[in-house]
PDB file of N, CA and C in Angstrom:
ATOM      1  N   MET A   1     159.750  39.943  29.774  1.00  0.00           N
ATOM      2  CA  MET A   1     158.685  40.056  30.344  1.00  0.00           C
ATOM      3  C   MET A   1     157.673  41.375  31.036  1.00  0.00           C
ATOM      4  N   SER A   2     156.345  40.698  31.133  1.00  0.00           N
ATOM      5  CA  SER A   2     155.967  42.078  30.352  1.00  0.00           C
ATOM      6  C   SER A   2     155.774  42.732  32.423  1.00  0.00           C
ATOM      7  N   ALA A   3     155.488  43.909  32.749  1.00  0.00           N
ATOM      8  CA  ALA A   3     155.449  44.675  34.262  1.00  0.00           C
ATOM      9  C   ALA A   3     154.001  44.486  34.022  1.00  0.00           C
ATOM     10  N   PRO A   4     153.313  44.320  35.608  1.00  0.00           N
ATOM     11  CA  PRO A   4     151.829  43.797  35.491  1.00  0.00           C
ATOM     12  C   PRO A   4     150.991  44.626  35.902  1.00  0.00           C
ATOM     13  N   SER A   5     150.178  44.252  35.251  1.00  0.00           N
ATOM     14  CA  SER A   5     148.830  45.759  35.049  1.00  0.00           C
ATOM     15  C   SER A   5     148.313  45.674  36.936  1.00  0.00           C
ATOM     16  N   THR A   6     149.224  45.981  37.913  1.00  0.00           N
ATOM     17  CA  THR A   6     148.791  46.586  39.003  1.00  0.00           C
ATOM     18  C   THR A   6     148.032  47.547  38.759  1.00  0.00           C
ATOM     19  N   PRO A   7     147.234  47.816  39.324  1.00  0.00           N
ATOM     20  CA  PRO A   7     146.150  49.340  39.491  1.00  0.00           C
ATOM     21  C   PRO A   7     147.384  50.138  40.340  1.00  0.00           C
ATOM     22  N   ILE A   8     147.929  51.484  40.106  1.00  0.00           N
ATOM     23  CA  ILE A   8     148.538  52.479  40.996  1.00  0.00           C
ATOM     24  C   ILE A   8     148.472  52.173  41.680  1.00  0.00           C
ATOM     25  N   GLY A   9     147.026  52.525  42.372  1.00  0.00           N
ATOM     26  CA  GLY A   9     146.329  53.508  43.610  1.00  0.00           C
ATOM     27  C   GLY A   9     146.744  52.163  44.396  1.00  0.00           C
ATOM     28  N   ASP A  10     146.990  51.362  43.736  1.00  0.00           N
ATOM     29  CA  ASP A  10     147.462  49.641  44.965  1.00  0.00           C
ATOM     30  C   ASP A  10     148.847  49.421  45.041  1.00  0.00           C
ATOM     31  N   VAL A  11     149.719  50.157  44.618  1.00  0.00           N
ATOM     32  CA  VAL A  11     150.968  50.068  44.709  1.00  0.00           C
ATOM     33  C   VAL A  11     151.622  50.798  46.237  1.00  0.00           C
ATOM     34  N   PRO A  12     152.225  49.736  47.304  1.00  0.00           N
ATOM     35  CA  PRO A  12     151.811  50.455  48.755  1.00  0.00           C
ATOM     36  C   PRO A  12     153.114  52.094  47.977  1.00  0.00           C
ATOM     37  N   GLY A  13     153.149  52.401  49.319  1.00  0.00           N
ATOM     38  CA  GLY A  13     153.992  53.454  49.369  1.00  0.00           C
ATOM     39  C   GLY A  13     153.517  55.067  48.145  1.00  0.00           C
ATOM     40  N   VAL A  14     152.749  54.258  47.148  1.00  0.00           N
ATOM     41  CA  VAL A  14     152.244  55.449  45.982  1.00  0.00           C
ATOM     42  C   VAL A  14     150.641  55.877  46.635  1.00  0.00           C
ATOM     43  N   GLY A  15     151.031  57.479  46.290  1.00  0.00           N
ATOM     44  CA  GLY A  15     149.473  58.302  47.706  1.00  0.00           C
ATOM     45  C   GLY A  15     148.951  57.959  46.312  1.00  0.00           C
ATOM     46  N   ALA A  16     147.149  59.229  46.699  1.00  0.00           N
ATOM     47  CA  ALA A  16     146.309  59.188  45.969  1.00  0.00           C
ATOM     48  C   ALA A  16     146.937  60.309  45.505  1.00  0.00           C
ATOM     49  N   PRO A  17     147.384  61.368  45.124  1.00  0.00           N
ATOM     50  CA  PRO A  17     147.576  62.667  44.633  1.00  0.00           C
ATOM     51  C   PRO A  17     148.093  61.773  43.424  1.00  0.00           C
ATOM     52  N   ALA A  18     148.900  60.841  43.823  1.00  0.00           N
ATOM     53  CA  ALA A  18     150.065  60.621  42.212  1.00  0.00           C
ATOM     54  C   ALA A  18     148.988  59.692  41.335  1.00  0.00           C
ATOM     55  N   ALA A  19     148.028  58.818  42.021  1.00  0.00           N
ATOM     56  CA  ALA A  19     147.259  58.096  41.024  1.00  0.00           C
ATOM     57  C   ALA A  19     146.615  58.860  40.802  1.00  0.00           C
ATOM     58  N   ARG A  20     145.946  59.912  41.237  1.00  0.00           N
ATOM     59  CA  ARG A  20     144.847  60.665  40.644  1.00  0.00           C
ATOM     60  C   ARG A  20     145.859  61.256  39.765  1.00  0.00           C
ATOM     61  N   ALA A  21     146.630  61.742  39.498  1.00  0.00           N
ATOM     62  CA  ALA A  21     147.381  62.735  38.477  1.00  0.00           C
ATOM     63  C   ALA A  21     148.196  62.026  37.256  1.00  0.00           C
ATOM     64  N   LEU A  22     148.038  60.632  37.903  1.00  0.00           N
ATOM     65  CA  LEU A  22     148.148  60.317  36.385  1.00  0.00           C
ATOM     66  C   LEU A  22     147.253  59.426  35.718  1.00  0.00           C
ATOM     67  N   ALA A  23     146.252  58.635  36.796  1.00  0.00           N
ATOM     68  CA  ALA A  23     144.986  58.564  36.219  1.00  0.00           C
ATOM     69  C   ALA A  23     144.057  59.827  35.465  1.00  0.00           C
ATOM     70  N   GLU A  24     144.103  61.002  35.554  1.00  0.00           N
ATOM     71  CA  GLU A  24     144.028  62.291  34.303  1.00  0.00           C
ATOM     72  C   GLU A  24     145.137  61.892  33.011  1.00  0.00           C
ATOM     73  N   GLN A  25     145.986  61.331  32.803  1.00  0.00           N
ATOM     74  CA  GLN A  25     146.958  61.550  32.126  1.00  0.00           C
ATOM     75  C   GLN A  25     146.131  59.784  31.409  1.00  0.00           C
ATOM     76  N   GLY A  26     145.342  59.488  31.743  1.00  0.00           N
ATOM     77  CA  GLY A  26     145.406  57.491  30.842  1.00  0.00           C
ATOM     78  C   GLY A  26     146.054  56.966  31.217  1.00  0.00           C
ATOM     79  N   ILE A  27     147.306  56.468  32.612  1.00  0.00           N
ATOM     80  CA  ILE A  27     147.566  55.443  32.699  1.00  0.00           C
ATOM     81  C   ILE A  27     147.206  55.556  34.363  1.00  0.00           C
ATOM     82  N   THR A  28     146.282  54.209  34.410  1.00  0.00           N
ATOM     83  CA  THR A  28     146.329  53.482  35.893  1.00  0.00           C
ATOM     84  C   THR A  28     146.354  52.420  36.493  1.00  0.00           C
ATOM     85  N   THR A  29     146.828  51.730  35.104  1.00  0.00           N
ATOM     86  CA  THR A  29     148.053  50.912  35.790  1.00  0.00           C
ATOM     87  C   THR A  29     150.020  51.303  35.724  1.00  0.00           C
ATOM     88  N   VAL A  30     150.133  49.453  36.143  1.00  0.00           N
ATOM     89  CA  VAL A  30     151.724  50.085  36.402  1.00  0.00           C
ATOM     90  C   VAL A  30     152.161  49.359  34.762  1.00  0.00           C
ATOM     91  N   ASP A  31     151.708  48.367  34.247  1.00  0.00           N
ATOM     92  CA  ASP A  31     152.460  48.464  33.024  1.00  0.00           C
ATOM     93  C   ASP A  31     152.350  49.274  31.854  1.00  0.00           C
ATOM     94  N   GLN A  32     151.587  50.825  32.360  1.00  0.00           N
ATOM     95  CA  GLN A  32     151.442  51.891  31.188  1.00  0.00           C
ATOM     96  C   GLN A  32     152.379  52.550  31.356  1.00  0.00           C
ATOM     97  N   LEU A  33     152.943  52.305  32.368  1.00  0.00           N
ATOM     98  CA  LEU A  33     154.206  52.955  32.901  1.00  0.00           C
ATOM     99  C   LEU A  33     156.047  52.955  31.741  1.00  0.00           C
ATOM    100  N   VAL A  34     156.141  51.434  31.804  1.00  0.00           N
ATOM    101  CA  VAL A  34     156.759  50.945  31.068  1.00  0.00           C
ATOM    102  C   VAL A  34     157.276  52.070  29.285  1.00  0.00           C
ATOM    103  N   GLY A  35     158.646  52.349  30.010  1.00  0.00           N
ATOM    104  CA  GLY A  35     158.797  53.282  28.275  1.00  0.00           C
ATOM    105  C   GLY A  35     159.105  54.548  28.710  1.00  0.00           C
ATOM    106  N   ARG A  36     158.242  54.635  29.606  1.00  0.00           N
ATOM    107  CA  ARG A  36     157.292  56.787  29.760  1.00  0.00           C
ATOM    108  C   ARG A  36     158.481  57.518  30.442  1.00  0.00           C
ATOM    109  N   ASP A  37     158.169  58.500  30.047  1.00  0.00           N
ATOM    110  CA  ASP A  37     159.704  59.624  30.087  1.00  0.00           C
ATOM    111  C   ASP A  37     159.180  59.889  31.855  1.00  0.00           C
ATOM    112  N   TRP A  38     160.039  59.372  32.844  1.00  0.00           N
ATOM    113  CA  TRP A  38     159.837  60.159  34.070  1.00  0.00           C
ATOM    114  C   TRP A  38     159.828  61.431  34.422  1.00  0.00           C
ATOM    115  N   ALA A  39     160.736  62.560  33.696  1.00  0.00           N
ATOM    116  CA  ALA A  39     160.688  63.835  33.443  1.00  0.00           C
ATOM    117  C   ALA A  39     158.940  64.597  32.902  1.00  0.00           C
ATOM    118  N   GLU A  40     158.492  63.715  32.551  1.00  0.00           N
ATOM    119  CA  GLU A  40     157.061  64.382  32.499  1.00  0.00           C
ATOM    120  C   GLU A  40     156.329  63.665  33.134  1.00  0.00           C
ATOM    121  N   LEU A  41     156.539  62.941  33.781  1.00  0.00           N
ATOM    122  CA  LEU A  41     155.498  62.507  34.926  1.00  0.00           C
ATOM    123  C   LEU A  41     155.277  63.406  35.822  1.00  0.00           C
ATOM    124  N   ALA A  42     156.735  63.530  36.200  1.00  0.00           N
ATOM    125  CA  ALA A  42     157.162  64.054  37.658  1.00  0.00           C
ATOM    126  C   ALA A  42     156.629  65.981  37.694  1.00  0.00           C
ATOM    127  N   GLU A  43     156.667  66.518  36.243  1.00  0.00           N
ATOM    128  CA  GLU A  43     156.156  67.919  36.300  1.00  0.00           C
ATOM    129  C   GLU A  43     154.292  67.205  36.456  1.00  0.00           C
ATOM    130  N   LEU A  44     153.605  66.768  36.796  1.00  0.00           N
ATOM    131  CA  LEU A  44     152.525  66.666  37.302  1.00  0.00           C
ATOM    132  C   LEU A  44     152.256  66.770  38.768  1.00  0.00           C
ATOM    133  N   LEU A  45     151.169  67.505  38.834  1.00  0.00           N
ATOM    134  CA  LEU A  45     151.124  67.911  40.507  1.00  0.00           C
ATOM    135  C   LEU A  45     150.525  66.867  41.396  1.00  0.00           C
ATOM    136  N   GLY A  46     151.515  66.447  42.643  1.00  0.00           N
ATOM    137  CA  GLY A  46     150.981  64.807  42.897  1.00  0.00           C
ATOM    138  C   GLY A  46     151.675  63.943  42.589  1.00  0.00           C
ATOM    139  N   VAL A  47     152.950  63.829  41.577  1.00  0.00           N
ATOM    140  CA  VAL A  47     154.388  62.756  41.685  1.00  0.00           C
ATOM    141  C   VAL A  47     154.921  63.038  41.952  1.00  0.00           C
ATOM    142  N   GLY A  48     155.501  62.514  42.860  1.00  0.00           N
ATOM    143  CA  GLY A  48     156.541  62.862  43.521  1.00  0.00           C
ATOM    144  C   GLY A  48     157.980  61.535  43.316  1.00  0.00           C
ATOM    145  N   PRO A  49     159.039  62.152  43.452  1.00  0.00           N
ATOM    146  CA  PRO A  49     160.489  61.700  43.389  1.00  0.00           C
ATOM    147  C   PRO A  49     160.106  59.890  44.319  1.00  0.00           C
ATOM    148  N   ALA A  50     159.366  60.174  45.343  1.00  0.00           N
ATOM    149  CA  ALA A  50     159.045  58.801  45.862  1.00  0.00           C
ATOM    150  C   ALA A  50     158.476  57.962  45.939  1.00  0.00           C
ATOM    151  N   SER A  51     156.985  58.617  44.520  1.00  0.00           N
ATOM    152  CA  SER A  51     156.501  57.632  44.205  1.00  0.00           C
ATOM    153  C   SER A  51     156.863  57.057  42.727  1.00  0.00           C
ATOM    154  N   GLY A  52     157.453  58.098  41.955  1.00  0.00           N
ATOM    155  CA  GLY A  52     158.541  57.368  41.124  1.00  0.00           C
ATOM    156  C   GLY A  52     159.293  56.003  41.469  1.00  0.00           C
ATOM    157  N   MET A  53     160.308  56.062  42.759  1.00  0.00           N
ATOM    158  CA  MET A  53     161.057  55.797  42.886  1.00  0.00           C
ATOM    159  C   MET A  53     160.092  53.986  42.846  1.00  0.00           C
ATOM    160  N   ARG A  54     159.144  53.861  43.838  1.00  0.00           N
ATOM    161  CA  ARG A  54     158.281  52.468  44.229  1.00  0.00           C
ATOM    162  C   ARG A  54     157.878  52.922  42.883  1.00  0.00           C
ATOM    163  N   LEU A  55     156.752  53.102  41.871  1.00  0.00           N
ATOM    164  CA  LEU A  55     157.064  52.413  40.609  1.00  0.00           C
ATOM    165  C   LEU A  55     158.319  51.734  39.651  1.00  0.00           C
ATOM    166  N   GLN A  56     159.027  52.675  39.571  1.00  0.00           N
ATOM    167  CA  GLN A  56     160.252  52.383  39.131  1.00  0.00           C
ATOM    168  C   GLN A  56     160.742  50.663  39.862  1.00  0.00           C
ATOM    169  N   ALA A  57     160.546  50.773  40.672  1.00  0.00           N
ATOM    170  CA  ALA A  57     161.256  49.589  42.085  1.00  0.00           C
ATOM    171  C   ALA A  57     160.114  48.614  41.162  1.00  0.00           C
ATOM    172  N   LEU A  58     158.840  48.657  41.372  1.00  0.00           N
ATOM    173  CA  LEU A  58     158.468  47.300  40.675  1.00  0.00           C
ATOM    174  C   LEU A  58     158.362  47.133  39.282  1.00  0.00           C
ATOM    175  N   LEU A  59     158.755  48.047  38.346  1.00  0.00           N
ATOM    176  CA  LEU A  59     158.922  47.718  37.019  1.00  0.00           C
ATOM    177  C   LEU A  59     160.224  47.095  36.773  1.00  0.00           C
ATOM    178  N   LEU A  60     160.701  47.515  37.465  1.00  0.00           N
ATOM    179  CA  LEU A  60     162.210  46.912  37.550  1.00  0.00           C
ATOM    180  C   LEU A  60     162.239  45.152  38.432  1.00  0.00           C
ATOM    181  N   GLU A  61     161.655  44.957  39.251  1.00  0.00           N
ATOM    182  CA  GLU A  61     161.362  43.764  39.167  1.00  0.00           C
ATOM    183  C   GLU A  61     160.802  42.597  38.146  1.00  0.00           C
ATOM    184  N   HIS A  62     160.413  43.774  37.744  1.00  0.00           N
ATOM    185  CA  HIS A  62     159.325  41.935  36.446  1.00  0.00           C
ATOM    186  C   HIS A  62     160.741  42.708  35.170  1.00  0.00           C
ATOM    187  N   GLY A  63     161.652  43.621  35.315  1.00  0.00           N
ATOM    188  CA  GLY A  63     162.276  43.692  33.662  1.00  0.00           C
ATOM    189  C   GLY A  63     161.918  44.285  33.173  1.00  0.00           C
ATOM    190  N   GLU A  64     161.145  45.306  33.228  1.00  0.00           N
ATOM    191  CA  GLU A  64     161.124  46.867  32.667  1.00  0.00           C
ATOM    192  C   GLU A  64     161.653  48.073  33.240  1.00  0.00           C
ATOM    193  N   GLY A  65     160.778  49.150  32.930  1.00  0.00           N
ATOM    194  CA  GLY A  65     161.304  50.351  33.211  1.00  0.00           C
ATOM    195  C   GLY A  65     161.084  51.599  32.836  1.00  0.00           C
ATOM    196  N   MET A  66     161.216  52.262  33.254  1.00  0.00           N
ATOM    197  CA  MET A  66     160.682  54.027  32.735  1.00  0.00           C
ATOM    198  C   MET A  66     161.964  54.358  32.402  1.00  0.00           C
ATOM    199  N   THR A  67     161.766  55.690  30.955  1.00  0.00           N
ATOM    200  CA  THR A  67     162.904  56.203  30.371  1.00  0.00           C
ATOM    201  C   THR A  67     163.370  57.806  32.103  1.00  0.00           C
ATOM    202  N   TYR A  68     164.994  57.855  31.772  1.00  0.00           N
ATOM    203  CA  TYR A  68     165.432  58.735  32.879  1.00  0.00           C
ATOM    204  C   TYR A  68     164.218  58.469  34.614  1.00  0.00           C
ATOM    205  N   PRO A  69     164.778  57.268  34.895  1.00  0.00           N
ATOM    206  CA  PRO A  69     163.568  57.426  36.311  1.00  0.00           C
ATOM    207  C   PRO A  69     164.512  57.808  37.432  1.00  0.00           C
ATOM    208  N   PRO A  70     163.721  58.415  38.414  1.00  0.00           N
ATOM    209  CA  PRO A  70     164.569  59.180  39.374  1.00  0.00           C
ATOM    210  C   PRO A  70     164.983  58.463  39.995  1.00  0.00           C
ATOM    211  N   ALA A  71     166.454  59.460  40.323  1.00  0.00           N
ATOM    212  CA  ALA A  71     167.388  58.876  41.117  1.00  0.00           C
ATOM    213  C   ALA A  71     167.260  58.202  42.353  1.00  0.00           C
ATOM    214  N   PRO A  72     167.472  57.569  42.998  1.00  0.00           N
ATOM    215  CA  PRO A  72     167.778  56.768  44.190  1.00  0.00           C
ATOM    216  C   PRO A  72     168.004  57.918  44.896  1.00  0.00           C
ATOM    217  N   ASP A  73     167.618  57.538  46.372  1.00  0.00           N
ATOM    218  CA  ASP A  73     167.905  58.514  47.671  1.00  0.00           C
ATOM    219  C   ASP A  73     168.658  57.709  48.304  1.00  0.00           C
ATOM    220  N   ARG A  74     169.979  59.152  48.050  1.00  0.00           N
ATOM    221  CA  ARG A  74     171.409  58.511  48.822  1.00  0.00           C
ATOM    222  C   ARG A  74     171.144  59.575  50.025  1.00  0.00           C
ATOM    223  N   ARG A  75     170.066  60.110  50.763  1.00  0.00           N
ATOM    224  CA  ARG A  75     170.419  60.918  51.877  1.00  0.00           C
ATOM    225  C   ARG A  75     170.847  60.030  53.205  1.00  0.00           C
ATOM    226  N   ARG A  76     171.395  60.067  54.444  1.00  0.00           N
ATOM    227  CA  ARG A  76     172.024  59.364  55.087  1.00  0.00           C
ATOM    228  C   ARG A  76     170.918  59.636  56.665  1.00  0.00           C
ATOM    229  N   ALA A  77     170.779  59.310  57.573  1.00  0.00           N
ATOM    230  CA  ALA A  77     170.428  59.591  58.578  1.00  0.00           C
ATOM    231  C   ALA A  77     170.841  60.322  59.289  1.00  0.00           C
ATOM    232  N   THR A  78     170.254  62.021  59.966  1.00  0.00           N
ATOM    233  CA  THR A  78     171.237  62.825  60.759  1.00  0.00           C
ATOM    234  C   THR A  78     170.640  62.801  61.989  1.00  0.00           C
ATOM    235  N   VAL A  79     171.036  62.871  63.033  1.00  0.00           N
ATOM    236  CA  VAL A  79     170.911  63.476  63.810  1.00  0.00           C
ATOM    237  C   VAL A  79     170.729  64.835  64.848  1.00  0.00           C
ATOM    238  N   THR A  80     169.392  65.284  65.260  1.00  0.00           N
ATOM    239  CA  THR A  80     169.566  67.157  65.180  1.00  0.00           C
ATOM    240  C   THR A  80     170.096  67.262  66.292  1.00  0.00           C
ATOM    241  N   GLN A  81     170.247  68.306  66.184  1.00  0.00           N
ATOM    242  CA  GLN A  81     171.381  69.091  67.439  1.00  0.00           C
ATOM    243  C   GLN A  81     170.886  69.163  68.379  1.00  0.00           C
ATOM    244  N   GLY A  82     171.074  68.977  69.526  1.00  0.00           N
ATOM    245  CA  GLY A  82     170.412  69.199  70.788  1.00  0.00           C
ATOM    246  C   GLY A  82     169.862  67.694  70.814  1.00  0.00           C
ATOM    247  N   ALA A  83     169.460  67.107  70.552  1.00  0.00           N
ATOM    248  CA  ALA A  83     168.769  65.705  70.994  1.00  0.00           C
ATOM    249  C   ALA A  83     169.672  64.826  71.607  1.00  0.00           C
ATOM    250  N   THR A  84     169.537  63.705  71.402  1.00  0.00           N
ATOM    251  CA  THR A  84     170.807  62.363  72.861  1.00  0.00           C
ATOM    252  C   THR A  84     171.433  62.934  72.287  1.00  0.00           C
ATOM    253  N   GLY A  85     171.981  62.693  70.790  1.00  0.00           N
ATOM    254  CA  GLY A  85     173.807  62.514  70.041  1.00  0.00           C
ATOM    255  C   GLY A  85     173.324  61.189  69.175  1.00  0.00           C
ATOM    256  N   LYS A  86     172.351  60.481  69.882  1.00  0.00           N
ATOM    257  CA  LYS A  86     172.116  59.141  69.335  1.00  0.00           C
ATOM    258  C   LYS A  86     171.159  58.411  68.215  1.00  0.00           C
ATOM    259  N   SER A  87     171.350  58.187  67.276  1.00  0.00           N
ATOM    260  CA  SER A  87     170.156  57.664  65.936  1.00  0.00           C
ATOM    261  C   SER A  87     168.715  56.739  67.500  1.00  0.00           C
ATOM    262  N   ALA A  88     167.902  56.763  66.286  1.00  0.00           N
ATOM    263  CA  ALA A  88     166.661  56.015  66.986  1.00  0.00           C
ATOM    264  C   ALA A  88     167.163  54.314  67.454  1.00  0.00           C
ATOM    265  N   LYS A  89     167.847  54.137  66.570  1.00  0.00           N
ATOM    266  CA  LYS A  89     168.121  52.924  66.286  1.00  0.00           C
ATOM    267  C   LYS A  89     169.383  52.374  67.516  1.00  0.00           C
ATOM    268  N   ASP A  90     169.984  53.225  68.163  1.00  0.00           N
ATOM    269  CA  ASP A  90     170.667  53.325  69.375  1.00  0.00           C
ATOM    270  C   ASP A  90     170.614  53.466  70.659  1.00  0.00           C
ATOM    271  N   ILE A  91     169.275  54.053  70.322  1.00  0.00           N
ATOM    272  CA  ILE A  91     168.149  53.996  71.858  1.00  0.00           C
ATOM    273  C   ILE A  91     167.544  53.002  71.895  1.00  0.00           C
ATOM    274  N   THR A  92     168.190  52.608  73.189  1.00  0.00           N
ATOM    275  CA  THR A  92     167.289  51.760  74.219  1.00  0.00           C
ATOM    276  C   THR A  92     167.194  51.902  75.718  1.00  0.00           C
ATOM    277  N   THR A  93     165.606  50.853  75.968  1.00  0.00           N
ATOM    278  CA  THR A  93     165.454  51.088  77.172  1.00  0.00           C
ATOM    279  C   THR A  93     166.293  49.813  78.218  1.00  0.00           C
ATOM    280  N   HIS A  94     165.695  50.699  79.711  1.00  0.00           N
ATOM    281  CA  HIS A  94     165.882  49.691  80.624  1.00  0.00           C
ATOM    282  C   HIS A  94     165.236  49.216  81.030  1.00  0.00           C
ATOM    283  N   ALA A  95     164.999  47.868  82.174  1.00  0.00           N
ATOM    284  CA  ALA A  95     164.145  47.709  83.094  1.00  0.00           C
ATOM    285  C   ALA A  95     164.567  48.457  84.673  1.00  0.00           C
ATOM    286  N   THR A  96     163.211  49.054  85.412  1.00  0.00           N
ATOM    287  CA  THR A  96     164.091  50.010  86.797  1.00  0.00           C
ATOM    288  C   THR A  96     163.181  49.257  87.228  1.00  0.00           C
ATOM    289  N   SER A  97     162.901  49.558  89.126  1.00  0.00           N
ATOM    290  CA  SER A  97     162.166  49.118  89.619  1.00  0.00           C
ATOM    291  C   SER A  97     160.796  50.206  89.846  1.00  0.00           C
ATOM    292  N   MET A  98     160.973  50.802  89.030  1.00  0.00           N
ATOM    293  CA  MET A  98     159.832  52.245  89.524  1.00  0.00           C
ATOM    294  C   MET A  98     159.023  51.223  88.133  1.00  0.00           C
ATOM    295  N   GLY A  99     157.269  51.638  89.396  1.00  0.00           N
ATOM    296  CA  GLY A  99     156.150  51.374  88.791  1.00  0.00           C
ATOM    297  C   GLY A  99     156.298  52.717  87.819  1.00  0.00           C
ATOM    298  N   PRO A 100     154.571  52.472  86.653  1.00  0.00           N
ATOM    299  CA  PRO A 100     154.253  53.409  86.333  1.00  0.00           C
ATOM    300  C   PRO A 100     153.800  54.135  86.692  1.00  0.00           C
ATOM    301  N   ALA A 101     152.726  54.277  88.750  1.00  0.00           N
ATOM    302  CA  ALA A 101     151.630  54.471  89.038  1.00  0.00           C
ATOM    303  C   ALA A 101     153.485  55.787  89.893  1.00  0.00           C
ATOM    304  N   ASP A 102     154.066  55.042  89.709  1.00  0.00           N
ATOM    305  CA  ASP A 102     154.637  55.752  91.113  1.00  0.00           C
ATOM    306  C   ASP A 102     155.668  56.767  90.449  1.00  0.00           C
ATOM    307  N   TYR A 103     155.860  56.516  88.845  1.00  0.00           N
ATOM    308  CA  TYR A 103     156.762  57.792  87.828  1.00  0.00           C
ATOM    309  C   TYR A 103     155.410  59.032  87.748  1.00  0.00           C
ATOM    310  N   VAL A 104     154.495  58.706  87.684  1.00  0.00           N
ATOM    311  CA  VAL A 104     153.359  59.506  86.935  1.00  0.00           C
ATOM    312  C   VAL A 104     153.487  60.409  88.642  1.00  0.00           C
ATOM    313  N   ASP A 105     153.658  59.720  89.421  1.00  0.00           N
ATOM    314  CA  ASP A 105     153.315  60.852  91.047  1.00  0.00           C
ATOM    315  C   ASP A 105     154.320  61.218  91.321  1.00  0.00           C
ATOM    316  N   GLY A 106     155.834  61.006  91.146  1.00  0.00           N
ATOM    317  CA  GLY A 106     156.794  62.206  90.709  1.00  0.00           C
ATOM    318  C   GLY A 106     156.848  63.364  89.579  1.00  0.00           C
ATOM    319  N   LEU A 107     155.435  63.239  88.384  1.00  0.00           N
ATOM    320  CA  LEU A 107     155.410  64.820  87.485  1.00  0.00           C
ATOM    321  C   LEU A 107     154.977  65.403  88.479  1.00  0.00           C
ATOM    322  N   GLU A 108     155.311  66.685  87.578  1.00  0.00           N
ATOM    323  CA  GLU A 108     154.828  67.808  88.448  1.00  0.00           C
ATOM    324  C   GLU A 108     153.490  68.330  87.539  1.00  0.00           C
ATOM    325  N   GLY A 109     152.738  68.755  88.438  1.00  0.00           N
ATOM    326  CA  GLY A 109     151.328  69.204  86.851  1.00  0.00           C
ATOM    327  C   GLY A 109     150.794  69.073  86.536  1.00  0.00           C
ATOM    328  N   ARG A 110     150.594  69.260  85.671  1.00  0.00           N
ATOM    329  CA  ARG A 110     149.781  69.523  84.319  1.00  0.00           C
ATOM    330  C   ARG A 110     150.015  67.444  83.931  1.00  0.00           C
ATOM    331  N   ARG A 111     151.635  67.465  83.736  1.00  0.00           N
ATOM    332  CA  ARG A 111     152.077  66.558  83.192  1.00  0.00           C
ATOM    333  C   ARG A 111     151.876  65.135  83.842  1.00  0.00           C
ATOM    334  N   ARG A 112     151.462  65.158  85.674  1.00  0.00           N
ATOM    335  CA  ARG A 112     150.531  64.275  87.046  1.00  0.00           C
ATOM    336  C   ARG A 112     149.189  64.127  86.104  1.00  0.00           C
ATOM    337  N   GLU A 113     148.846  64.897  86.298  1.00  0.00           N
ATOM    338  CA  GLU A 113     147.232  64.972  85.434  1.00  0.00           C
ATOM    339  C   GLU A 113     147.026  64.048  84.453  1.00  0.00           C
ATOM    340  N   GLU A 114     147.700  64.519  82.984  1.00  0.00           N
ATOM    341  CA  GLU A 114     147.430  63.736  82.503  1.00  0.00           C
ATOM    342  C   GLU A 114     148.139  62.340  82.419  1.00  0.00           C
ATOM    343  N   GLY A 115     148.971  62.170  83.011  1.00  0.00           N
ATOM    344  CA  GLY A 115     149.583  60.682  83.142  1.00  0.00           C
ATOM    345  C   GLY A 115     148.654  59.651  83.564  1.00  0.00           C
ATOM    346  N   ALA A 116     148.113  60.518  85.257  1.00  0.00           N
ATOM    347  CA  ALA A 116     147.356  59.780  85.901  1.00  0.00           C
ATOM    348  C   ALA A 116     145.877  59.191  84.733  1.00  0.00           C
ATOM    349  N   ARG A 117     145.074  60.475  84.346  1.00  0.00           N
ATOM    350  CA  ARG A 117     144.205  59.847  83.201  1.00  0.00           C
ATOM    351  C   ARG A 117     144.922  59.018  82.167  1.00  0.00           C
ATOM    352  N   LEU A 118     146.149  59.092  81.653  1.00  0.00           N
ATOM    353  CA  LEU A 118     146.168  57.891  80.706  1.00  0.00           C
ATOM    354  C   LEU A 118     146.518  56.741  81.670  1.00  0.00           C
ATOM    355  N   LEU A 119     146.560  56.410  82.986  1.00  0.00           N
ATOM    356  CA  LEU A 119     146.696  55.538  83.891  1.00  0.00           C
ATOM    357  C   LEU A 119     144.977  55.127  84.674  1.00  0.00           C
ATOM    358  N   GLY A 120     144.167  55.597  83.819  1.00  0.00           N
ATOM    359  CA  GLY A 120     142.633  55.607  84.792  1.00  0.00           C
ATOM    360  C   GLY A 120     142.493  55.520  85.870  1.00  0.00           C
ATOM    361  N   GLY A 121     142.951  56.705  86.428  1.00  0.00           N
ATOM    362  CA  GLY A 121     142.981  57.079  87.332  1.00  0.00           C
ATOM    363  C   GLY A 121     142.802  58.576  87.775  1.00  0.00           C
ATOM    364  N   ALA A 122     142.599  59.371  88.744  1.00  0.00           N
ATOM    365  CA  ALA A 122     142.817  60.957  88.968  1.00  0.00           C
ATOM    366  C   ALA A 122     143.434  61.406  90.026  1.00  0.00           C
ATOM    367  N   ARG A 123     144.508  60.260  90.014  1.00  0.00           N
ATOM    368  CA  ARG A 123     145.411  60.454  91.083  1.00  0.00           C
ATOM    369  C   ARG A 123     146.643  61.616  90.830  1.00  0.00           C
ATOM    370  N   THR A 124     146.529  62.784  91.788  1.00  0.00           N
ATOM    371  CA  THR A 124     146.560  63.809  91.630  1.00  0.00           C
ATOM    372  C   THR A 124     147.394  64.402  93.266  1.00  0.00           C
ATOM    373  N   ARG A 125     148.717  65.196  93.684  1.00  0.00           N
ATOM    374  CA  ARG A 125     149.116  65.751  95.074  1.00  0.00           C
ATOM    375  C   ARG A 125     148.270  66.824  95.182  1.00  0.00           C
TER     376      ARG A 125
END
């Protein structure tokens, strides 16, 4: 099975800098990456590991691949110190009886003015 002849610039997640850098090397479609050495491609300005992983994943879907492809990203989500102590997926909102206008009225200074503008009125105390 051969890899698709999809233009590299049309692959989701592959940025224009990577597509341009590869095009300058005469590589314009995904199928032209089959058997290419990732280490050589990674040296091109604009071609980073994220683009390489996306292109390799597309090639693998079609039973093809680059040689020495970029390693999968094994990082885990971290919580920044001083934040809520929860990851974004753990943060939930809840309903209150306070309306947006009441909330904005409880703010001070510039926050109140900007909030009032967002609500469509120039409400300030």
